[in-house]
Amino acid sequence: MTEVHEPAPSLSEVLDRFVNSVFSAEDRLVVQEALQDREDRIVGHLHMAGMQFGLYPQIVAEVLATVGLGTPPTVEGRALIRQQFVTLMEELRRQQGSG
């Protein structure tokens, strides 16, 4: 998957801009947890919509991991998402006779 745009800043990077200027470090954690929960719920809805519209879950997972929406996967989890995406893309290319 080719990166076309700059990656979006993480929730943590955005919140770091406001520590001590608008809210305290403790407030930051509360706000980050609330925003992370919101993103995780959005991710769940996007996965469900993907299934309902027949999108490959490997593509949905790769796009969400690439844009950084929701709780970031572990290093191992990210590697697995990427590997499954690459495997799917190779299989689709073979099925289309171009690989």
N, C-alpha and C. Protein backbone atom coordinates (compact mmCIF):
# COMPACT_ATOMS: atom_id res chain seq x y z
N MET A 1 0.85 -1.17 0.00
CA MET A 1 0.00 0.00 0.00
C MET A 1 0.90 1.23 0.00
N THR A 2 0.75 2.09 -0.95
CA THR A 2 1.59 3.26 -1.07
C THR A 2 1.06 4.38 -0.20
N GLU A 3 1.97 4.99 0.57
CA GLU A 3 1.60 6.14 1.39
C GLU A 3 1.47 7.36 0.49
N VAL A 4 0.31 7.97 0.49
CA VAL A 4 0.07 9.15 -0.34
C VAL A 4 0.11 10.40 0.51
N HIS A 5 -0.35 10.28 1.74
CA HIS A 5 -0.47 11.43 2.63
C HIS A 5 0.43 11.25 3.84
N GLU A 6 0.73 12.35 4.48
CA GLU A 6 1.46 12.29 5.74
C GLU A 6 0.59 11.57 6.75
N PRO A 7 1.19 10.75 7.61
CA PRO A 7 0.37 10.10 8.63
C PRO A 7 -0.24 11.12 9.58
N ALA A 8 -1.43 10.81 10.05
CA ALA A 8 -2.11 11.69 11.01
C ALA A 8 -1.37 11.62 12.33
N PRO A 9 -1.33 12.72 13.06
CA PRO A 9 -0.69 12.67 14.38
C PRO A 9 -1.48 11.74 15.30
N SER A 10 -0.80 11.10 16.21
CA SER A 10 -1.48 10.22 17.17
C SER A 10 -2.24 11.07 18.17
N LEU A 11 -3.17 10.43 18.88
CA LEU A 11 -3.88 11.14 19.95
C LEU A 11 -2.88 11.69 20.95
N SER A 12 -1.89 10.90 21.28
CA SER A 12 -0.88 11.32 22.25
C SER A 12 -0.15 12.57 21.78
N GLU A 13 0.22 12.63 20.51
CA GLU A 13 0.93 13.80 19.98
C GLU A 13 0.04 15.05 20.03
N VAL A 14 -1.22 14.89 19.71
CA VAL A 14 -2.15 16.03 19.75
C VAL A 14 -2.32 16.51 21.18
N LEU A 15 -2.54 15.57 22.10
CA LEU A 15 -2.76 15.95 23.50
C LEU A 15 -1.52 16.58 24.12
N ASP A 16 -0.33 16.14 23.72
CA ASP A 16 0.90 16.70 24.26
C ASP A 16 1.01 18.21 23.99
N ARG A 17 0.37 18.69 22.95
CA ARG A 17 0.40 20.11 22.64
C ARG A 17 -0.32 20.94 23.69
N PHE A 18 -1.23 20.33 24.44
CA PHE A 18 -2.07 21.07 25.36
C PHE A 18 -1.74 20.89 26.83
N VAL A 19 -0.85 19.96 27.15
CA VAL A 19 -0.51 19.74 28.56
C VAL A 19 0.08 21.02 29.13
N ASN A 20 -0.37 21.38 30.30
CA ASN A 20 0.05 22.56 31.04
C ASN A 20 -0.48 23.87 30.46
N SER A 21 -1.04 23.85 29.26
CA SER A 21 -1.59 25.09 28.73
C SER A 21 -3.11 25.14 28.90
N VAL A 22 -3.77 24.02 28.75
CA VAL A 22 -5.21 23.97 28.88
C VAL A 22 -5.62 23.03 30.01
N PHE A 23 -4.93 21.93 30.14
CA PHE A 23 -5.24 20.99 31.20
C PHE A 23 -3.97 20.33 31.72
N SER A 24 -4.09 19.75 32.89
CA SER A 24 -2.94 19.13 33.54
C SER A 24 -2.62 17.77 32.91
N ALA A 25 -1.50 17.21 33.32
CA ALA A 25 -1.11 15.88 32.84
C ALA A 25 -2.15 14.83 33.24
N GLU A 26 -2.73 14.98 34.43
CA GLU A 26 -3.76 14.04 34.87
C GLU A 26 -5.02 14.16 34.00
N ASP A 27 -5.40 15.41 33.72
CA ASP A 27 -6.56 15.64 32.86
C ASP A 27 -6.29 15.05 31.47
N ARG A 28 -5.05 15.17 31.02
CA ARG A 28 -4.67 14.65 29.70
C ARG A 28 -4.97 13.17 29.60
N LEU A 29 -4.65 12.41 30.64
CA LEU A 29 -4.89 10.97 30.62
C LEU A 29 -6.38 10.65 30.52
N VAL A 30 -7.20 11.41 31.24
CA VAL A 30 -8.64 11.20 31.20
C VAL A 30 -9.17 11.50 29.79
N VAL A 31 -8.72 12.61 29.22
CA VAL A 31 -9.16 13.00 27.88
C VAL A 31 -8.68 11.98 26.86
N GLN A 32 -7.42 11.53 26.99
CA GLN A 32 -6.89 10.55 26.04
C GLN A 32 -7.68 9.25 26.10
N GLU A 33 -8.01 8.78 27.29
CA GLU A 33 -8.79 7.55 27.42
C GLU A 33 -10.17 7.70 26.77
N ALA A 34 -10.79 8.84 26.96
CA ALA A 34 -12.11 9.08 26.36
C ALA A 34 -12.02 9.12 24.83
N LEU A 35 -11.00 9.80 24.32
CA LEU A 35 -10.83 9.87 22.87
C LEU A 35 -10.45 8.51 22.29
N GLN A 36 -9.61 7.76 23.02
CA GLN A 36 -9.22 6.43 22.55
C GLN A 36 -10.43 5.51 22.49
N ASP A 37 -11.28 5.59 23.50
CA ASP A 37 -12.51 4.79 23.51
C ASP A 37 -13.38 5.15 22.30
N ARG A 38 -13.48 6.45 22.02
CA ARG A 38 -14.25 6.89 20.86
C ARG A 38 -13.69 6.31 19.57
N GLU A 39 -12.37 6.40 19.41
CA GLU A 39 -11.75 5.85 18.20
C GLU A 39 -11.95 4.35 18.10
N ASP A 40 -11.81 3.64 19.22
CA ASP A 40 -11.99 2.19 19.20
C ASP A 40 -13.41 1.82 18.77
N ARG A 41 -14.39 2.61 19.21
CA ARG A 41 -15.77 2.36 18.79
C ARG A 41 -15.93 2.61 17.29
N ILE A 42 -15.28 3.66 16.78
CA ILE A 42 -15.33 3.96 15.34
C ILE A 42 -14.70 2.80 14.57
N VAL A 43 -13.57 2.31 15.04
CA VAL A 43 -12.90 1.18 14.39
C VAL A 43 -13.85 -0.02 14.33
N GLY A 44 -14.54 -0.30 15.42
CA GLY A 44 -15.49 -1.40 15.43
C GLY A 44 -16.58 -1.23 14.39
N HIS A 45 -17.09 -0.02 14.27
CA HIS A 45 -18.13 0.26 13.26
C HIS A 45 -17.58 0.11 11.85
N LEU A 46 -16.35 0.54 11.63
CA LEU A 46 -15.76 0.42 10.30
C LEU A 46 -15.51 -1.04 9.92
N HIS A 47 -15.08 -1.85 10.89
CA HIS A 47 -14.92 -3.29 10.63
C HIS A 47 -16.27 -3.92 10.28
N MET A 48 -17.31 -3.56 11.03
CA MET A 48 -18.64 -4.10 10.78
C MET A 48 -19.15 -3.67 9.40
N ALA A 49 -18.96 -2.41 9.07
CA ALA A 49 -19.39 -1.92 7.75
C ALA A 49 -18.61 -2.63 6.65
N GLY A 50 -17.33 -2.84 6.88
CA GLY A 50 -16.54 -3.57 5.89
C GLY A 50 -17.09 -4.96 5.64
N MET A 51 -17.45 -5.67 6.71
CA MET A 51 -18.02 -7.01 6.55
C MET A 51 -19.37 -6.95 5.82
N GLN A 52 -20.19 -5.98 6.17
CA GLN A 52 -21.51 -5.86 5.55
C GLN A 52 -21.41 -5.56 4.06
N PHE A 53 -20.36 -4.84 3.66
CA PHE A 53 -20.21 -4.48 2.25
C PHE A 53 -19.24 -5.39 1.51
N GLY A 54 -18.84 -6.48 2.16
CA GLY A 54 -18.01 -7.47 1.49
C GLY A 54 -16.56 -7.07 1.30
N LEU A 55 -16.06 -6.15 2.13
CA LEU A 55 -14.65 -5.77 2.03
C LEU A 55 -13.80 -6.81 2.75
N TYR A 56 -12.62 -7.02 2.25
CA TYR A 56 -11.71 -7.96 2.91
C TYR A 56 -11.27 -7.38 4.25
N PRO A 57 -11.39 -8.15 5.33
CA PRO A 57 -10.99 -7.64 6.64
C PRO A 57 -9.50 -7.30 6.70
N GLN A 58 -8.69 -7.97 5.88
CA GLN A 58 -7.26 -7.66 5.85
C GLN A 58 -7.00 -6.25 5.34
N ILE A 59 -7.82 -5.82 4.38
CA ILE A 59 -7.66 -4.47 3.82
C ILE A 59 -8.13 -3.44 4.84
N VAL A 60 -9.27 -3.69 5.46
CA VAL A 60 -9.78 -2.76 6.48
C VAL A 60 -8.78 -2.62 7.61
N ALA A 61 -8.25 -3.75 8.11
CA ALA A 61 -7.28 -3.71 9.21
C ALA A 61 -6.01 -2.95 8.81
N GLU A 62 -5.53 -3.16 7.60
CA GLU A 62 -4.32 -2.48 7.14
C GLU A 62 -4.54 -0.97 7.04
N VAL A 63 -5.67 -0.57 6.49
CA VAL A 63 -5.95 0.85 6.35
C VAL A 63 -6.07 1.50 7.73
N LEU A 64 -6.79 0.86 8.65
CA LEU A 64 -6.95 1.44 9.98
C LEU A 64 -5.61 1.52 10.71
N ALA A 65 -4.77 0.50 10.56
CA ALA A 65 -3.45 0.53 11.20
C ALA A 65 -2.57 1.61 10.56
N THR A 66 -2.69 1.76 9.25
CA THR A 66 -1.88 2.76 8.55
C THR A 66 -2.25 4.18 8.97
N VAL A 67 -3.54 4.45 9.08
CA VAL A 67 -3.95 5.81 9.46
C VAL A 67 -3.87 6.02 10.96
N GLY A 68 -3.75 4.95 11.72
CA GLY A 68 -3.57 5.08 13.16
C GLY A 68 -4.85 5.32 13.94
N LEU A 69 -5.97 4.83 13.44
CA LEU A 69 -7.23 5.01 14.14
C LEU A 69 -7.43 3.88 15.13
N GLY A 70 -7.81 4.23 16.34
CA GLY A 70 -8.03 3.23 17.37
C GLY A 70 -6.77 2.94 18.16
N THR A 71 -6.89 1.99 19.08
CA THR A 71 -5.74 1.61 19.89
C THR A 71 -4.67 1.01 18.99
N PRO A 72 -3.45 1.54 19.04
CA PRO A 72 -2.40 1.01 18.17
C PRO A 72 -2.12 -0.46 18.48
N PRO A 73 -1.93 -1.27 17.43
CA PRO A 73 -1.58 -2.66 17.68
C PRO A 73 -0.17 -2.76 18.23
N THR A 74 0.12 -3.88 18.86
CA THR A 74 1.49 -4.13 19.29
C THR A 74 2.38 -4.24 18.06
N VAL A 75 3.67 -4.25 18.26
CA VAL A 75 4.60 -4.42 17.13
C VAL A 75 4.31 -5.74 16.42
N GLU A 76 4.08 -6.79 17.22
CA GLU A 76 3.78 -8.10 16.64
C GLU A 76 2.44 -8.09 15.91
N GLY A 77 1.45 -7.43 16.53
CA GLY A 77 0.14 -7.34 15.90
C GLY A 77 0.19 -6.57 14.60
N ARG A 78 0.96 -5.50 14.57
CA ARG A 78 1.10 -4.70 13.34
C ARG A 78 1.77 -5.51 12.25
N ALA A 79 2.79 -6.28 12.62
CA ALA A 79 3.48 -7.13 11.64
C ALA A 79 2.52 -8.17 11.08
N LEU A 80 1.67 -8.75 11.92
CA LEU A 80 0.69 -9.74 11.47
C LEU A 80 -0.33 -9.11 10.53
N ILE A 81 -0.83 -7.93 10.88
CA ILE A 81 -1.78 -7.22 10.00
C ILE A 81 -1.15 -6.99 8.64
N ARG A 82 0.08 -6.51 8.63
CA ARG A 82 0.78 -6.23 7.36
C ARG A 82 0.99 -7.50 6.55
N GLN A 83 1.41 -8.58 7.24
CA GLN A 83 1.67 -9.85 6.55
C GLN A 83 0.39 -10.39 5.93
N GLN A 84 -0.73 -10.33 6.66
CA GLN A 84 -2.00 -10.81 6.13
C GLN A 84 -2.46 -9.98 4.94
N PHE A 85 -2.22 -8.67 5.00
CA PHE A 85 -2.57 -7.79 3.89
C PHE A 85 -1.75 -8.13 2.64
N VAL A 86 -0.45 -8.28 2.82
CA VAL A 86 0.43 -8.59 1.69
C VAL A 86 0.04 -9.94 1.08
N THR A 87 -0.22 -10.93 1.93
CA THR A 87 -0.63 -12.25 1.44
C THR A 87 -1.91 -12.15 0.62
N LEU A 88 -2.89 -11.39 1.11
CA LEU A 88 -4.14 -11.22 0.37
C LEU A 88 -3.88 -10.54 -0.97
N MET A 89 -3.08 -9.49 -0.99
CA MET A 89 -2.81 -8.77 -2.24
C MET A 89 -2.13 -9.70 -3.25
N GLU A 90 -1.20 -10.53 -2.78
CA GLU A 90 -0.53 -11.49 -3.67
C GLU A 90 -1.54 -12.49 -4.23
N GLU A 91 -2.45 -12.98 -3.39
CA GLU A 91 -3.47 -13.93 -3.83
C GLU A 91 -4.41 -13.29 -4.84
N LEU A 92 -4.82 -12.06 -4.60
CA LEU A 92 -5.70 -11.37 -5.55
C LEU A 92 -5.01 -11.16 -6.89
N ARG A 93 -3.72 -10.82 -6.86
CA ARG A 93 -2.97 -10.66 -8.10
C ARG A 93 -2.91 -11.99 -8.88
N ARG A 94 -2.67 -13.10 -8.13
CA ARG A 94 -2.63 -14.41 -8.78
C ARG A 94 -3.99 -14.74 -9.41
N GLN A 95 -5.06 -14.45 -8.68
CA GLN A 95 -6.40 -14.74 -9.20
C GLN A 95 -6.72 -13.93 -10.45
N GLN A 96 -6.14 -12.75 -10.54
CA GLN A 96 -6.39 -11.90 -11.70
C GLN A 96 -5.43 -12.20 -12.84
N GLY A 97 -4.52 -13.16 -12.61
CA GLY A 97 -3.59 -13.55 -13.65
C GLY A 97 -2.46 -12.60 -13.89
N SER A 98 -2.17 -11.74 -12.91
CA SER A 98 -1.07 -10.79 -13.10
C SER A 98 0.05 -11.04 -12.11
N GLY A 99 0.20 -12.22 -11.61
CA GLY A 99 1.23 -12.48 -10.63
C GLY A 99 1.74 -13.80 -10.79
